[in-house]
Each structure stands twice: as structure tokens, then as C-alpha cells.
Amino acid sequence: MEPFLKKFFPEVYTKMNEDTNISNYCKFDSQLLTTFTSSLYIAGLVASLFASSVTRVFGRKPSIHLGGAAFLASSALGGAALNVYKLIFGRILLGIGVGFANQTLDAYKSRTP
């Protein structure tokens, strides 16, 4: 975790090393780090809401393709990220992939006897 913080969140890494008496519940006050960690969950939630309409209109196969493409794009972007904004965008794409994959599984379960 330290190399990740050092590269993408240097101010958080500095705070972590300077303050040894930090509560486990609220270690760092970084809105960017909070955005990074919550972006996946928010994107997955929003994508799940839209995925049901897309699956209903276009079917499961295009939804699976869209979810898979979002997973691949997020992996490529996350692996090549040089700054935190690209990481956040990659996590948003990952959330979209999770949302669409979840919707296609729900659609499959509802059709099986």
C-alpha cells in the first residue's frame, strides 16, 4: 500500500508517516482518496440502474459485451494510469462493468425455472 500511496497520494503518505497517533476510524482527510475509494461503488450502483433498461431493450448478450468491454477498458486504464484521475476513471469503468454483469446475472436467474 505504501508504494501506491507514495505514487498517487503523496500528501496522504506524508501524513501517514508524520502522525503516529492516528485513529483507525479516520486516518486521513483527503477528498481525492475518498473519491477514489467510493467511485467504484457509486459507478456500480448507477450502472445497475441503467443496465436493467439496456438489458430489457437490447438483450443479455449486448449487456454482457458492454460489461466485458468496460472491464477490459478499466484494466488497461488502471494498469497504465500515471495519475489519480485516470485511476478514478478506470474504477468508474470497473463499476460500470460490475453493474452490467450484475444485471445480466439477475436477468438470467429470473428466466431459469
PDB file of N, CA and C in Angstrom:
ATOM      1  N   MET A   1       0.818  -1.183   0.000  1.00  0.00           N
ATOM      2  CA  MET A   1       0.000   0.000   0.000  1.00  0.00           C
ATOM      3  C   MET A   1       0.869   1.257   0.000  1.00  0.00           C
ATOM      4  N   GLU A   2       2.008   1.199   0.663  1.00  0.00           N
ATOM      5  CA  GLU A   2       2.851   2.390   0.741  1.00  0.00           C
ATOM      6  C   GLU A   2       3.342   2.861  -0.622  1.00  0.00           C
ATOM      7  N   PRO A   3       3.794   1.970  -1.527  1.00  0.00           N
ATOM      8  CA  PRO A   3       4.199   2.469  -2.852  1.00  0.00           C
ATOM      9  C   PRO A   3       3.041   3.119  -3.618  1.00  0.00           C
ATOM     10  N   PHE A   4       1.835   2.561  -3.459  1.00  0.00           N
ATOM     11  CA  PHE A   4       0.653   3.131  -4.107  1.00  0.00           C
ATOM     12  C   PHE A   4       0.372   4.526  -3.568  1.00  0.00           C
ATOM     13  N   LEU A   5       0.377   4.664  -2.251  1.00  0.00           N
ATOM     14  CA  LEU A   5       0.143   5.980  -1.654  1.00  0.00           C
ATOM     15  C   LEU A   5       1.235   6.966  -2.038  1.00  0.00           C
ATOM     16  N   LYS A   6       2.462   6.499  -2.049  1.00  0.00           N
ATOM     17  CA  LYS A   6       3.586   7.380  -2.378  1.00  0.00           C
ATOM     18  C   LYS A   6       3.452   7.914  -3.806  1.00  0.00           C
ATOM     19  N   LYS A   7       2.982   7.075  -4.730  1.00  0.00           N
ATOM     20  CA  LYS A   7       2.880   7.483  -6.138  1.00  0.00           C
ATOM     21  C   LYS A   7       1.653   8.348  -6.415  1.00  0.00           C
ATOM     22  N   PHE A   8       0.486   7.932  -5.910  1.00  0.00           N
ATOM     23  CA  PHE A   8      -0.755   8.590  -6.286  1.00  0.00           C
ATOM     24  C   PHE A   8      -1.304   9.559  -5.237  1.00  0.00           C
ATOM     25  N   PHE A   9      -0.961   9.340  -3.977  1.00  0.00           N
ATOM     26  CA  PHE A   9      -1.447  10.189  -2.896  1.00  0.00           C
ATOM     27  C   PHE A   9      -0.288  10.578  -1.983  1.00  0.00           C
ATOM     28  N   PRO A  10       0.668  11.358  -2.495  1.00  0.00           N
ATOM     29  CA  PRO A  10       1.850  11.678  -1.689  1.00  0.00           C
ATOM     30  C   PRO A  10       1.533  12.450  -0.413  1.00  0.00           C
ATOM     31  N   GLU A  11       0.499  13.295  -0.431  1.00  0.00           N
ATOM     32  CA  GLU A  11       0.164  14.041   0.775  1.00  0.00           C
ATOM     33  C   GLU A  11      -0.392  13.121   1.866  1.00  0.00           C
ATOM     34  N   VAL A  12      -1.115  12.106   1.472  1.00  0.00           N
ATOM     35  CA  VAL A  12      -1.628  11.132   2.438  1.00  0.00           C
ATOM     36  C   VAL A  12      -0.480  10.299   2.991  1.00  0.00           C
ATOM     37  N   TYR A  13       0.438   9.924   2.123  1.00  0.00           N
ATOM     38  CA  TYR A  13       1.607   9.159   2.561  1.00  0.00           C
ATOM     39  C   TYR A  13       2.436   9.953   3.568  1.00  0.00           C
ATOM     40  N   THR A  14       2.594  11.244   3.315  1.00  0.00           N
ATOM     41  CA  THR A  14       3.342  12.100   4.238  1.00  0.00           C
ATOM     42  C   THR A  14       2.629  12.189   5.585  1.00  0.00           C
ATOM     43  N   LYS A  15       1.311  12.386   5.569  1.00  0.00           N
ATOM     44  CA  LYS A  15       0.543  12.443   6.810  1.00  0.00           C
ATOM     45  C   LYS A  15       0.663  11.134   7.589  1.00  0.00           C
ATOM     46  N   MET A  16       0.628  10.030   6.863  1.00  0.00           N
ATOM     47  CA  MET A  16       0.705   8.724   7.494  1.00  0.00           C
ATOM     48  C   MET A  16       2.037   8.537   8.222  1.00  0.00           C
ATOM     49  N   ASN A  17       3.107   9.008   7.626  1.00  0.00           N
ATOM     50  CA  ASN A  17       4.424   8.845   8.238  1.00  0.00           C
ATOM     51  C   ASN A  17       4.689   9.845   9.358  1.00  0.00           C
ATOM     52  N   GLU A  18       4.088  11.014   9.272  1.00  0.00           N
ATOM     53  CA  GLU A  18       4.339  12.049  10.272  1.00  0.00           C
ATOM     54  C   GLU A  18       3.552  11.836  11.556  1.00  0.00           C
ATOM     55  N   ASP A  19       2.316  11.400  11.445  1.00  0.00           N
ATOM     56  CA  ASP A  19       1.453  11.287  12.621  1.00  0.00           C
ATOM     57  C   ASP A  19       1.340   9.825  13.034  1.00  0.00           C
ATOM     58  N   THR A  20       1.922   9.473  14.162  1.00  0.00           N
ATOM     59  CA  THR A  20       1.871   8.086  14.632  1.00  0.00           C
ATOM     60  C   THR A  20       0.677   7.816  15.532  1.00  0.00           C
ATOM     61  N   ASN A  21       0.007   8.850  16.000  1.00  0.00           N
ATOM     62  CA  ASN A  21      -1.160   8.694  16.871  1.00  0.00           C
ATOM     63  C   ASN A  21      -2.448   8.950  16.097  1.00  0.00           C
ATOM     64  N   ILE A  22      -2.703   8.136  15.101  1.00  0.00           N
ATOM     65  CA  ILE A  22      -3.872   8.318  14.235  1.00  0.00           C
ATOM     66  C   ILE A  22      -4.932   7.291  14.600  1.00  0.00           C
ATOM     67  N   SER A  23      -6.166   7.738  14.656  1.00  0.00           N
ATOM     68  CA  SER A  23      -7.286   6.832  14.905  1.00  0.00           C
ATOM     69  C   SER A  23      -7.480   5.915  13.702  1.00  0.00           C
ATOM     70  N   ASN A  24      -7.869   4.691  13.948  1.00  0.00           N
ATOM     71  CA  ASN A  24      -8.129   3.754  12.858  1.00  0.00           C
ATOM     72  C   ASN A  24      -9.405   4.088  12.098  1.00  0.00           C
ATOM     73  N   TYR A  25     -10.257   4.908  12.681  1.00  0.00           N
ATOM     74  CA  TYR A  25     -11.528   5.223  12.036  1.00  0.00           C
ATOM     75  C   TYR A  25     -11.427   6.401  11.071  1.00  0.00           C
ATOM     76  N   CYS A  26     -10.548   7.321  11.314  1.00  0.00           N
ATOM     77  CA  CYS A  26     -10.429   8.496  10.453  1.00  0.00           C
ATOM     78  C   CYS A  26      -8.956   8.841  10.313  1.00  0.00           C
ATOM     79  N   LYS A  27      -8.265   8.101   9.465  1.00  0.00           N
ATOM     80  CA  LYS A  27      -6.826   8.274   9.359  1.00  0.00           C
ATOM     81  C   LYS A  27      -6.442   9.535   8.607  1.00  0.00           C
ATOM     82  N   PHE A  28      -7.086   9.776   7.488  1.00  0.00           N
ATOM     83  CA  PHE A  28      -6.631  10.854   6.619  1.00  0.00           C
ATOM     84  C   PHE A  28      -7.815  11.663   6.131  1.00  0.00           C
ATOM     85  N   ASP A  29      -7.587  12.944   5.989  1.00  0.00           N
ATOM     86  CA  ASP A  29      -8.620  13.829   5.488  1.00  0.00           C
ATOM     87  C   ASP A  29      -8.273  14.192   4.052  1.00  0.00           C
ATOM     88  N   SER A  30      -8.584  13.295   3.120  1.00  0.00           N
ATOM     89  CA  SER A  30      -8.268  13.508   1.716  1.00  0.00           C
ATOM     90  C   SER A  30      -9.518  13.245   0.886  1.00  0.00           C
ATOM     91  N   GLN A  31     -10.069  14.295   0.321  1.00  0.00           N
ATOM     92  CA  GLN A  31     -11.262  14.134  -0.502  1.00  0.00           C
ATOM     93  C   GLN A  31     -10.959  13.350  -1.769  1.00  0.00           C
ATOM     94  N   LEU A  32      -9.762  13.499  -2.294  1.00  0.00           N
ATOM     95  CA  LEU A  32      -9.390  12.766  -3.503  1.00  0.00           C
ATOM     96  C   LEU A  32      -9.306  11.271  -3.225  1.00  0.00           C
ATOM     97  N   LEU A  33      -8.749  10.890  -2.080  1.00  0.00           N
ATOM     98  CA  LEU A  33      -8.687   9.475  -1.708  1.00  0.00           C
ATOM     99  C   LEU A  33     -10.082   8.918  -1.462  1.00  0.00           C
ATOM    100  N   THR A  34     -10.949   9.703  -0.855  1.00  0.00           N
ATOM    101  CA  THR A  34     -12.330   9.282  -0.650  1.00  0.00           C
ATOM    102  C   THR A  34     -13.042   9.114  -1.982  1.00  0.00           C
ATOM    103  N   THR A  35     -12.806  10.014  -2.907  1.00  0.00           N
ATOM    104  CA  THR A  35     -13.388   9.896  -4.244  1.00  0.00           C
ATOM    105  C   THR A  35     -12.904   8.629  -4.928  1.00  0.00           C
ATOM    106  N   PHE A  36     -11.624   8.339  -4.792  1.00  0.00           N
ATOM    107  CA  PHE A  36     -11.056   7.137  -5.390  1.00  0.00           C
ATOM    108  C   PHE A  36     -11.717   5.880  -4.836  1.00  0.00           C
ATOM    109  N   THR A  37     -11.846   5.794  -3.522  1.00  0.00           N
ATOM    110  CA  THR A  37     -12.394   4.579  -2.930  1.00  0.00           C
ATOM    111  C   THR A  37     -13.891   4.421  -3.174  1.00  0.00           C
ATOM    112  N   SER A  38     -14.635   5.500  -3.226  1.00  0.00           N
ATOM    113  CA  SER A  38     -16.084   5.388  -3.405  1.00  0.00           C
ATOM    114  C   SER A  38     -16.510   5.370  -4.869  1.00  0.00           C
ATOM    115  N   SER A  39     -15.632   5.693  -5.801  1.00  0.00           N
ATOM    116  CA  SER A  39     -16.013   5.762  -7.214  1.00  0.00           C
ATOM    117  C   SER A  39     -16.496   4.424  -7.747  1.00  0.00           C
ATOM    118  N   LEU A  40     -15.893   3.340  -7.313  1.00  0.00           N
ATOM    119  CA  LEU A  40     -16.304   2.017  -7.774  1.00  0.00           C
ATOM    120  C   LEU A  40     -17.730   1.702  -7.338  1.00  0.00           C
ATOM    121  N   TYR A  41     -18.054   1.975  -6.090  1.00  0.00           N
ATOM    122  CA  TYR A  41     -19.377   1.653  -5.563  1.00  0.00           C
ATOM    123  C   TYR A  41     -20.459   2.516  -6.199  1.00  0.00           C
ATOM    124  N   ILE A  42     -20.181   3.784  -6.342  1.00  0.00           N
ATOM    125  CA  ILE A  42     -21.175   4.682  -6.932  1.00  0.00           C
ATOM    126  C   ILE A  42     -21.409   4.330  -8.395  1.00  0.00           C
ATOM    127  N   ALA A  43     -20.334   4.069  -9.135  1.00  0.00           N
ATOM    128  CA  ALA A  43     -20.486   3.710 -10.545  1.00  0.00           C
ATOM    129  C   ALA A  43     -21.229   2.394 -10.701  1.00  0.00           C
ATOM    130  N   GLY A  44     -20.949   1.420  -9.843  1.00  0.00           N
ATOM    131  CA  GLY A  44     -21.666   0.147  -9.899  1.00  0.00           C
ATOM    132  C   GLY A  44     -23.149   0.312  -9.626  1.00  0.00           C
ATOM    133  N   LEU A  45     -23.480   1.152  -8.658  1.00  0.00           N
ATOM    134  CA  LEU A  45     -24.880   1.405  -8.325  1.00  0.00           C
ATOM    135  C   LEU A  45     -25.608   2.079  -9.483  1.00  0.00           C
ATOM    136  N   VAL A  46     -25.012   3.121 -10.024  1.00  0.00           N
ATOM    137  CA  VAL A  46     -25.638   3.848 -11.136  1.00  0.00           C
ATOM    138  C   VAL A  46     -25.746   2.948 -12.369  1.00  0.00           C
ATOM    139  N   ALA A  47     -24.694   2.184 -12.654  1.00  0.00           N
ATOM    140  CA  ALA A  47     -24.724   1.293 -13.816  1.00  0.00           C
ATOM    141  C   ALA A  47     -25.794   0.217 -13.655  1.00  0.00           C
ATOM    142  N   SER A  48     -25.989  -0.277 -12.439  1.00  0.00           N
ATOM    143  CA  SER A  48     -27.045  -1.275 -12.210  1.00  0.00           C
ATOM    144  C   SER A  48     -28.422  -0.719 -12.536  1.00  0.00           C
ATOM    145  N   LEU A  49     -28.623   0.553 -12.224  1.00  0.00           N
ATOM    146  CA  LEU A  49     -29.916   1.173 -12.521  1.00  0.00           C
ATOM    147  C   LEU A  49     -30.149   1.285 -14.024  1.00  0.00           C
ATOM    148  N   PHE A  50     -29.102   1.658 -14.779  1.00  0.00           N
ATOM    149  CA  PHE A  50     -29.247   1.796 -16.221  1.00  0.00           C
ATOM    150  C   PHE A  50     -29.170   0.459 -16.947  1.00  0.00           C
ATOM    151  N   ALA A  51     -28.479  -0.492 -16.371  1.00  0.00           N
ATOM    152  CA  ALA A  51     -28.282  -1.776 -17.036  1.00  0.00           C
ATOM    153  C   ALA A  51     -29.589  -2.519 -17.233  1.00  0.00           C
ATOM    154  N   SER A  52     -30.527  -2.359 -16.313  1.00  0.00           N
ATOM    155  CA  SER A  52     -31.809  -3.059 -16.470  1.00  0.00           C
ATOM    156  C   SER A  52     -32.535  -2.591 -17.727  1.00  0.00           C
ATOM    157  N   SER A  53     -32.507  -1.298 -17.998  1.00  0.00           N
ATOM    158  CA  SER A  53     -33.154  -0.782 -19.218  1.00  0.00           C
ATOM    159  C   SER A  53     -32.427  -1.257 -20.470  1.00  0.00           C
ATOM    160  N   VAL A  54     -31.112  -1.221 -20.434  1.00  0.00           N
ATOM    161  CA  VAL A  54     -30.325  -1.661 -21.594  1.00  0.00           C
ATOM    162  C   VAL A  54     -30.552  -3.148 -21.861  1.00  0.00           C
ATOM    163  N   THR A  55     -30.574  -3.946 -20.801  1.00  0.00           N
ATOM    164  CA  THR A  55     -30.798  -5.383 -20.955  1.00  0.00           C
ATOM    165  C   THR A  55     -32.196  -5.660 -21.486  1.00  0.00           C
ATOM    166  N   ARG A  56     -33.168  -4.924 -21.011  1.00  0.00           N
ATOM    167  CA  ARG A  56     -34.539  -5.117 -21.467  1.00  0.00           C
ATOM    168  C   ARG A  56     -34.675  -4.770 -22.953  1.00  0.00           C
ATOM    169  N   VAL A  57     -34.042  -3.695 -23.389  1.00  0.00           N
ATOM    170  CA  VAL A  57     -34.191  -3.243 -24.774  1.00  0.00           C
ATOM    171  C   VAL A  57     -33.336  -4.063 -25.740  1.00  0.00           C
ATOM    172  N   PHE A  58     -32.067  -4.300 -25.371  1.00  0.00           N
ATOM    173  CA  PHE A  58     -31.129  -4.927 -26.304  1.00  0.00           C
ATOM    174  C   PHE A  58     -30.856  -6.399 -26.018  1.00  0.00           C
ATOM    175  N   GLY A  59     -31.222  -6.892 -24.856  1.00  0.00           N
ATOM    176  CA  GLY A  59     -30.991  -8.292 -24.513  1.00  0.00           C
ATOM    177  C   GLY A  59     -29.746  -8.471 -23.653  1.00  0.00           C
ATOM    178  N   ARG A  60     -29.562  -9.721 -23.197  1.00  0.00           N
ATOM    179  CA  ARG A  60     -28.441 -10.006 -22.301  1.00  0.00           C
ATOM    180  C   ARG A  60     -27.090  -9.980 -23.010  1.00  0.00           C
ATOM    181  N   LYS A  61     -27.046 -10.464 -24.225  1.00  0.00           N
ATOM    182  CA  LYS A  61     -25.758 -10.568 -24.915  1.00  0.00           C
ATOM    183  C   LYS A  61     -25.082  -9.207 -25.090  1.00  0.00           C
ATOM    184  N   PRO A  62     -25.756  -8.178 -25.597  1.00  0.00           N
ATOM    185  CA  PRO A  62     -25.102  -6.860 -25.668  1.00  0.00           C
ATOM    186  C   PRO A  62     -24.733  -6.299 -24.298  1.00  0.00           C
ATOM    187  N   SER A  63     -25.540  -6.609 -23.282  1.00  0.00           N
ATOM    188  CA  SER A  63     -25.208  -6.146 -21.931  1.00  0.00           C
ATOM    189  C   SER A  63     -23.939  -6.809 -21.423  1.00  0.00           C
ATOM    190  N   ILE A  64     -23.793  -8.094 -21.710  1.00  0.00           N
ATOM    191  CA  ILE A  64     -22.580  -8.802 -21.321  1.00  0.00           C
ATOM    192  C   ILE A  64     -21.380  -8.229 -22.069  1.00  0.00           C
ATOM    193  N   HIS A  65     -21.542  -7.954 -23.341  1.00  0.00           N
ATOM    194  CA  HIS A  65     -20.445  -7.363 -24.125  1.00  0.00           C
ATOM    195  C   HIS A  65     -20.058  -5.985 -23.591  1.00  0.00           C
ATOM    196  N   LEU A  66     -21.057  -5.190 -23.257  1.00  0.00           N
ATOM    197  CA  LEU A  66     -20.778  -3.859 -22.719  1.00  0.00           C
ATOM    198  C   LEU A  66     -20.059  -3.949 -21.376  1.00  0.00           C
ATOM    199  N   GLY A  67     -20.530  -4.827 -20.510  1.00  0.00           N
ATOM    200  CA  GLY A  67     -19.871  -5.034 -19.219  1.00  0.00           C
ATOM    201  C   GLY A  67     -18.447  -5.540 -19.383  1.00  0.00           C
ATOM    202  N   GLY A  68     -18.250  -6.488 -20.289  1.00  0.00           N
ATOM    203  CA  GLY A  68     -16.905  -7.016 -20.542  1.00  0.00           C
ATOM    204  C   GLY A  68     -15.970  -5.968 -21.115  1.00  0.00           C
ATOM    205  N   ALA A  69     -16.490  -5.153 -22.036  1.00  0.00           N
ATOM    206  CA  ALA A  69     -15.666  -4.076 -22.607  1.00  0.00           C
ATOM    207  C   ALA A  69     -15.284  -3.061 -21.529  1.00  0.00           C
ATOM    208  N   ALA A  70     -16.221  -2.776 -20.627  1.00  0.00           N
ATOM    209  CA  ALA A  70     -15.907  -1.848 -19.527  1.00  0.00           C
ATOM    210  C   ALA A  70     -14.844  -2.438 -18.604  1.00  0.00           C
ATOM    211  N   PHE A  71     -14.913  -3.746 -18.319  1.00  0.00           N
ATOM    212  CA  PHE A  71     -13.885  -4.402 -17.509  1.00  0.00           C
ATOM    213  C   PHE A  71     -12.518  -4.311 -18.179  1.00  0.00           C
ATOM    214  N   LEU A  72     -12.476  -4.635 -19.477  1.00  0.00           N
ATOM    215  CA  LEU A  72     -11.194  -4.591 -20.196  1.00  0.00           C
ATOM    216  C   LEU A  72     -10.622  -3.175 -20.247  1.00  0.00           C
ATOM    217  N   ALA A  73     -11.475  -2.217 -20.531  1.00  0.00           N
ATOM    218  CA  ALA A  73     -11.014  -0.827 -20.591  1.00  0.00           C
ATOM    219  C   ALA A  73     -10.509  -0.360 -19.231  1.00  0.00           C
ATOM    220  N   SER A  74     -11.214  -0.755 -18.166  1.00  0.00           N
ATOM    221  CA  SER A  74     -10.775  -0.339 -16.828  1.00  0.00           C
ATOM    222  C   SER A  74      -9.451  -0.984 -16.451  1.00  0.00           C
ATOM    223  N   SER A  75      -9.251  -2.223 -16.860  1.00  0.00           N
ATOM    224  CA  SER A  75      -7.977  -2.893 -16.579  1.00  0.00           C
ATOM    225  C   SER A  75      -6.830  -2.216 -17.312  1.00  0.00           C
ATOM    226  N   ALA A  76      -7.042  -1.898 -18.575  1.00  0.00           N
ATOM    227  CA  ALA A  76      -5.996  -1.232 -19.350  1.00  0.00           C
ATOM    228  C   ALA A  76      -5.702   0.156 -18.795  1.00  0.00           C
ATOM    229  N   LEU A  77      -6.747   0.888 -18.476  1.00  0.00           N
ATOM    230  CA  LEU A  77      -6.561   2.240 -17.956  1.00  0.00           C
ATOM    231  C   LEU A  77      -5.916   2.228 -16.573  1.00  0.00           C
ATOM    232  N   GLY A  78      -6.354   1.316 -15.726  1.00  0.00           N
ATOM    233  CA  GLY A  78      -5.771   1.217 -14.392  1.00  0.00           C
ATOM    234  C   GLY A  78      -4.309   0.796 -14.429  1.00  0.00           C
ATOM    235  N   GLY A  79      -3.969  -0.110 -15.334  1.00  0.00           N
ATOM    236  CA  GLY A  79      -2.583  -0.551 -15.449  1.00  0.00           C
ATOM    237  C   GLY A  79      -1.659   0.508 -16.014  1.00  0.00           C
ATOM    238  N   ALA A  80      -2.197   1.379 -16.840  1.00  0.00           N
ATOM    239  CA  ALA A  80      -1.379   2.411 -17.474  1.00  0.00           C
ATOM    240  C   ALA A  80      -1.511   3.778 -16.814  1.00  0.00           C
ATOM    241  N   ALA A  81      -2.247   3.851 -15.714  1.00  0.00           N
ATOM    242  CA  ALA A  81      -2.511   5.146 -15.078  1.00  0.00           C
ATOM    243  C   ALA A  81      -1.239   5.770 -14.527  1.00  0.00           C
ATOM    244  N   LEU A  82      -1.088   7.040 -14.819  1.00  0.00           N
ATOM    245  CA  LEU A  82       0.055   7.793 -14.305  1.00  0.00           C
ATOM    246  C   LEU A  82      -0.364   8.824 -13.270  1.00  0.00           C
ATOM    247  N   ASN A  83      -1.665   9.059 -13.164  1.00  0.00           N
ATOM    248  CA  ASN A  83      -2.149   9.991 -12.138  1.00  0.00           C
ATOM    249  C   ASN A  83      -3.454   9.462 -11.557  1.00  0.00           C
ATOM    250  N   VAL A  84      -3.885  10.068 -10.492  1.00  0.00           N
ATOM    251  CA  VAL A  84      -5.041   9.573  -9.752  1.00  0.00           C
ATOM    252  C   VAL A  84      -6.344   9.750 -10.529  1.00  0.00           C
ATOM    253  N   TYR A  85      -6.417  10.719 -11.400  1.00  0.00           N
ATOM    254  CA  TYR A  85      -7.651  10.939 -12.155  1.00  0.00           C
ATOM    255  C   TYR A  85      -7.905   9.802 -13.138  1.00  0.00           C
ATOM    256  N   LYS A  86      -6.843   9.281 -13.736  1.00  0.00           N
ATOM    257  CA  LYS A  86      -7.002   8.117 -14.606  1.00  0.00           C
ATOM    258  C   LYS A  86      -7.388   6.887 -13.795  1.00  0.00           C
ATOM    259  N   LEU A  87      -6.858   6.777 -12.596  1.00  0.00           N
ATOM    260  CA  LEU A  87      -7.255   5.672 -11.716  1.00  0.00           C
ATOM    261  C   LEU A  87      -8.735   5.747 -11.378  1.00  0.00           C
ATOM    262  N   ILE A  88      -9.206   6.942 -11.065  1.00  0.00           N
ATOM    263  CA  ILE A  88     -10.620   7.119 -10.728  1.00  0.00           C
ATOM    264  C   ILE A  88     -11.492   6.791 -11.931  1.00  0.00           C
ATOM    265  N   PHE A  89     -11.119   7.251 -13.099  1.00  0.00           N
ATOM    266  CA  PHE A  89     -11.896   6.944 -14.303  1.00  0.00           C
ATOM    267  C   PHE A  89     -11.889   5.436 -14.569  1.00  0.00           C
ATOM    268  N   GLY A  90     -10.750   4.787 -14.349  1.00  0.00           N
ATOM    269  CA  GLY A  90     -10.678   3.333 -14.505  1.00  0.00           C
ATOM    270  C   GLY A  90     -11.597   2.612 -13.534  1.00  0.00           C
ATOM    271  N   ARG A  91     -11.678   3.100 -12.304  1.00  0.00           N
ATOM    272  CA  ARG A  91     -12.575   2.487 -11.315  1.00  0.00           C
ATOM    273  C   ARG A  91     -14.036   2.737 -11.665  1.00  0.00           C
ATOM    274  N   ILE A  92     -14.329   3.861 -12.276  1.00  0.00           N
ATOM    275  CA  ILE A  92     -15.695   4.114 -12.731  1.00  0.00           C
ATOM    276  C   ILE A  92     -16.060   3.108 -13.824  1.00  0.00           C
ATOM    277  N   LEU A  93     -15.141   2.874 -14.753  1.00  0.00           N
ATOM    278  CA  LEU A  93     -15.392   1.868 -15.792  1.00  0.00           C
ATOM    279  C   LEU A  93     -15.553   0.475 -15.183  1.00  0.00           C
ATOM    280  N   LEU A  94     -14.772   0.179 -14.166  1.00  0.00           N
ATOM    281  CA  LEU A  94     -14.909  -1.105 -13.479  1.00  0.00           C
ATOM    282  C   LEU A  94     -16.283  -1.212 -12.823  1.00  0.00           C
ATOM    283  N   GLY A  95     -16.753  -0.133 -12.217  1.00  0.00           N
ATOM    284  CA  GLY A  95     -18.090  -0.120 -11.630  1.00  0.00           C
ATOM    285  C   GLY A  95     -19.173  -0.333 -12.670  1.00  0.00           C
ATOM    286  N   ILE A  96     -18.990   0.243 -13.852  1.00  0.00           N
ATOM    287  CA  ILE A  96     -19.941   0.032 -14.952  1.00  0.00           C
ATOM    288  C   ILE A  96     -19.944  -1.444 -15.345  1.00  0.00           C
ATOM    289  N   GLY A  97     -18.766  -2.026 -15.433  1.00  0.00           N
ATOM    290  CA  GLY A  97     -18.676  -3.455 -15.746  1.00  0.00           C
ATOM    291  C   GLY A  97     -19.366  -4.309 -14.699  1.00  0.00           C
ATOM    292  N   VAL A  98     -19.166  -3.996 -13.435  1.00  0.00           N
ATOM    293  CA  VAL A  98     -19.822  -4.731 -12.347  1.00  0.00           C
ATOM    294  C   VAL A  98     -21.333  -4.556 -12.420  1.00  0.00           C
ATOM    295  N   GLY A  99     -21.784  -3.342 -12.668  1.00  0.00           N
ATOM    296  CA  GLY A  99     -23.221  -3.084 -12.763  1.00  0.00           C
ATOM    297  C   GLY A  99     -23.881  -3.863 -13.882  1.00  0.00           C
ATOM    298  N   PHE A 100     -23.253  -3.907 -15.036  1.00  0.00           N
ATOM    299  CA  PHE A 100     -23.828  -4.637 -16.157  1.00  0.00           C
ATOM    300  C   PHE A 100     -23.723  -6.143 -15.961  1.00  0.00           C
ATOM    301  N   ALA A 101     -22.635  -6.614 -15.390  1.00  0.00           N
ATOM    302  CA  ALA A 101     -22.506  -8.045 -15.122  1.00  0.00           C
ATOM    303  C   ALA A 101     -23.544  -8.493 -14.097  1.00  0.00           C
ATOM    304  N   ASN A 102     -23.778  -7.685 -13.086  1.00  0.00           N
ATOM    305  CA  ASN A 102     -24.781  -7.998 -12.073  1.00  0.00           C
ATOM    306  C   ASN A 102     -26.170  -8.053 -12.697  1.00  0.00           C
ATOM    307  N   GLN A 103     -26.470  -7.136 -13.580  1.00  0.00           N
ATOM    308  CA  GLN A 103     -27.787  -7.104 -14.218  1.00  0.00           C
ATOM    309  C   GLN A 103     -27.993  -8.337 -15.085  1.00  0.00           C
ATOM    310  N   THR A 104     -26.991  -8.746 -15.817  1.00  0.00           N
ATOM    311  CA  THR A 104     -27.159  -9.908 -16.686  1.00  0.00           C
ATOM    312  C   THR A 104     -27.334 -11.172 -15.863  1.00  0.00           C
ATOM    313  N   LEU A 105     -26.677 -11.264 -14.718  1.00  0.00           N
ATOM    314  CA  LEU A 105     -26.885 -12.421 -13.839  1.00  0.00           C
ATOM    315  C   LEU A 105     -28.294 -12.421 -13.276  1.00  0.00           C
ATOM    316  N   ASP A 106     -28.800 -11.252 -12.874  1.00  0.00           N
ATOM    317  CA  ASP A 106     -30.164 -11.167 -12.360  1.00  0.00           C
ATOM    318  C   ASP A 106     -31.184 -11.540 -13.420  1.00  0.00           C
ATOM    319  N   ALA A 107     -30.937 -11.091 -14.664  1.00  0.00           N
ATOM    320  CA  ALA A 107     -31.859 -11.414 -15.755  1.00  0.00           C
ATOM    321  C   ALA A 107     -31.842 -12.910 -16.032  1.00  0.00           C
ATOM    322  N   TYR A 108     -30.656 -13.536 -15.934  1.00  0.00           N
ATOM    323  CA  TYR A 108     -30.547 -14.974 -16.161  1.00  0.00           C
ATOM    324  C   TYR A 108     -31.270 -15.751 -15.070  1.00  0.00           C
ATOM    325  N   LYS A 109     -31.103 -15.344 -13.818  1.00  0.00           N
ATOM    326  CA  LYS A 109     -31.747 -16.043 -12.702  1.00  0.00           C
ATOM    327  C   LYS A 109     -33.262 -15.947 -12.773  1.00  0.00           C
ATOM    328  N   SER A 110     -33.779 -14.801 -13.230  1.00  0.00           N
ATOM    329  CA  SER A 110     -35.228 -14.634 -13.277  1.00  0.00           C
ATOM    330  C   SER A 110     -35.862 -15.447 -14.403  1.00  0.00           C
ATOM    331  N   ARG A 111     -35.087 -15.869 -15.396  1.00  0.00           N
ATOM    332  CA  ARG A 111     -35.651 -16.633 -16.523  1.00  0.00           C
ATOM    333  C   ARG A 111     -35.526 -18.127 -16.326  1.00  0.00           C
ATOM    334  N   THR A 112     -34.648 -18.575 -15.421  1.00  0.00           N
ATOM    335  CA  THR A 112     -34.497 -20.014 -15.219  1.00  0.00           C
ATOM    336  C   THR A 112     -35.571 -20.522 -14.275  1.00  0.00           C
ATOM    337  N   PRO A 113     -36.074 -21.740 -14.540  1.00  0.00           N
ATOM    338  CA  PRO A 113     -37.157 -22.265 -13.694  1.00  0.00           C
ATOM    339  C   PRO A 113     -36.701 -22.676 -12.314  1.00  0.00           C
TER     340      PRO A 113
END
